Amino acid sequence: MSAYDDFAKEKQEIDDLLLQGYAVTGMLETLDGAKVKFDQGEPGSESVELLLLTADARKYVTTLVFAGLQKAQ
C-alpha cells in the first residue's frame, strides 16, 4: 500500500467519526504514532481512540483542531 493510501484510509476514519458527531478531545504523540481520543457530546457516551501512523493524518487532525479553536473565538 502506498503512503497516500495509508493517509487516505486514516483520513476517512477521522472524517467518519466527525460525521457521527464525535469531537477530538485529546491527543498523545508517541513514538508509534498519535493516539487521538474522540468523544461524543452527550454525557456517558462512548469514546473512541484512533492511532494515527502517518504524518499527514496527524497534520490533518491537528489542522481540524486548530480550525475549530479559531471558530470558537
Protein backbone atom coordinates (compact mmCIF):
# COMPACT_ATOMS: atom_id res chain seq x y z
CA MET A 1 0.00 0.00 0.00
CA SER A 2 1.34 3.43 -0.86
CA ALA A 3 1.88 6.23 1.64
CA TYR A 4 -1.06 8.12 0.13
CA ASP A 5 -3.35 5.11 0.53
CA ASP A 6 -2.36 4.84 4.21
CA PHE A 7 -3.12 8.54 4.71
CA ALA A 8 -6.42 8.32 2.81
CA LYS A 9 -7.56 5.41 5.00
CA GLU A 10 -6.74 7.26 8.22
CA LYS A 11 -8.32 10.49 6.93
CA GLN A 12 -11.52 8.58 6.10
CA GLU A 13 -11.62 7.12 9.62
CA ILE A 14 -11.27 10.64 11.10
CA ASP A 15 -13.94 12.07 8.82
CA ASP A 16 -16.33 9.19 9.59
CA LEU A 17 -16.02 9.79 13.33
CA LEU A 18 -16.59 13.53 12.91
CA LEU A 19 -19.69 12.88 10.79
CA GLN A 20 -21.03 10.60 13.54
CA GLY A 21 -20.90 13.52 15.97
CA TYR A 22 -17.59 12.81 17.66
CA ALA A 23 -15.12 15.58 18.53
CA VAL A 24 -11.41 15.44 19.23
CA THR A 25 -10.91 15.66 22.99
CA GLY A 26 -7.30 14.59 23.37
CA MET A 27 -4.10 13.80 21.55
CA LEU A 28 -1.00 11.96 22.71
CA GLU A 29 2.06 11.80 20.49
CA THR A 30 4.17 8.66 20.94
CA LEU A 31 6.98 7.04 19.01
CA ASP A 32 4.39 4.70 17.48
CA GLY A 33 2.13 7.50 16.21
CA ALA A 34 -0.53 9.79 17.59
CA LYS A 35 -3.33 8.48 19.79
CA VAL A 36 -6.34 10.69 19.20
CA LYS A 37 -9.33 10.47 21.54
CA PHE A 38 -12.79 11.22 20.18
CA ASP A 39 -15.86 11.74 22.40
CA GLN A 40 -19.47 12.46 21.65
CA GLY A 41 -21.01 15.47 23.34
CA GLU A 42 -23.54 13.50 25.33
CA PRO A 43 -22.70 12.55 28.94
CA GLY A 44 -21.99 8.87 29.36
CA SER A 45 -21.43 8.28 25.66
CA GLU A 46 -18.60 6.10 24.48
CA SER A 47 -15.22 7.40 23.46
CA VAL A 48 -13.10 6.14 20.59
CA GLU A 49 -9.32 6.17 20.38
CA LEU A 50 -7.68 6.18 16.98
CA LEU A 51 -3.97 5.52 16.40
CA LEU A 52 -2.69 7.64 13.52
CA LEU A 53 0.51 6.31 11.99
CA THR A 54 1.03 8.67 9.07
CA ALA A 55 2.43 12.15 9.49
CA ASP A 56 -0.10 13.54 7.03
CA ALA A 57 -3.04 12.21 9.08
CA ARG A 58 -1.56 13.70 12.25
CA LYS A 59 -1.20 17.06 10.49
CA TYR A 60 -4.77 16.76 9.18
CA VAL A 61 -6.33 16.18 12.60
CA THR A 62 -4.22 18.95 14.15
CA THR A 63 -5.42 21.34 11.45
CA LEU A 64 -9.03 20.39 12.24
CA VAL A 65 -8.47 21.07 15.94
CA PHE A 66 -6.94 24.49 15.29
CA ALA A 67 -9.70 25.39 12.83
CA GLY A 68 -12.26 24.53 15.48
CA LEU A 69 -10.47 26.69 18.03
CA GLN A 70 -10.47 29.64 15.65
CA LYS A 71 -14.20 29.28 15.04
CA ALA A 72 -14.80 29.28 18.78
CA GLN A 73 -13.15 32.68 19.21
